[in-house]
Every structure is written in C-alpha cells, then in structure tokens.
Amino acid sequence: MRTLVFPKALMCWLKCQDCKLGAWAHKHVLGRGETGELLFLGEAPGRSEELLGLPFVGPAGKLLDDALETVRGKKFFANLLACRPSDKQGGPNRAPELKEVQACWGRVQETIRFASPKGIVLLGRVPAMFWEEMKGQEIFPGPVLKAMHPAALLRRGGKNAVDYNEYVANFRNFAETVL
C-alpha cells in the first residue's frame, strides 16, 4: 500500500486539543487506504488504532479487510473521532459524546474532501446517529450505506456468523451501485 500524504488541512488535526481526548491521545488517527471511491467511516479509534495511528487495524479491522477482499473499488478508512474516547487517559473505550463529535466534525469534513468518495459506508449505529445529528448529507449528498460495525460482527462469530455472507454482499452491492 502506498504512503498517504495528507493535505495541510488534515495534518493540523494531528495536534488537535479541541476536546479533552486530544490531550490524552497517544496518537491522533486520521485515515488509511486509497482515496477516490469508497469511504468507510467508523466511530473512533480503539487501543490498537491509537497505538499505531491508523484506523481499523485491530481485530475488527482485520475482519473488515477480509470482508472487503471481494469488493471492488478503492477504499479509504477513517473515524468520526481522531482520538480514542475514554473517561481517563489509558482507560477503557466508551461511546463518543456529542461535544467530541462536534469538535471533530471539521476534520470529518476535511477527510471527506480529501477522500473524495463516490459513496460512504457508516460502520455502526454511532456513526449513523451522528451523521443524522450533524447533517452529514449536507456535506456529502451522495449515496450512504449504514452497515453493522465489524466489532459487532466479531462478537457474533466473525466469519462464522450467520450473517457474514450477507454483510459482505451488502458491501459488494453498494460498491457495484456506486462505482
């Protein structure tokens, strides 16, 4: 995979302190992948992602990569938040708060501009809920797919889950429609 060169408008977010999470972050996580076709937008970095500075590199990310093997198109991965949400530094993950998403929303907009997708996949209920709350359709009026987060599928058995093939087919059908 080629090394991404982020524009200055995104690089400034690497030092963001607009909420308490920025001060606690080991690394701010911007994105990974190839731009121009599909943007997969998750909730927030987990522990593995924060340590490596890349989204979707933990077990759920591996499952997502496997699920997308047969899906055509360039894929870019990012999250609503650039920092791992926790109630204390190094603490367990928790769901993002509205004020944290609001603080990161400018970065999400820059990420969408940078990734220039033809379609966006919202991974999980939290991104779907905040997409509506923040009126995401106003910055990206194109097609959006709301899908299960791969961590939820992992808890249900991963590739052995009853609905794994349907999960993959939803991504494949979306890509075929959008690209």
Foldseek 3Di string as FASTA:
>chain_A
DDDDDADPLQVVCQQDPQDVQSVQQPTFAQKDWAADAEEEEEAEAAPVCSVVSYHLPPPLSVLVCVLCPPADDTYMYYYLGRGFDDPDRPHHGDGDDPSRSVSSVSSVLSSCVVRVHLEYEYEDDRSVVVCVVVVVCVSPVHYYHYAHRSVVVVVQPRCPHPCSVVRSVVSNVVRVVRD
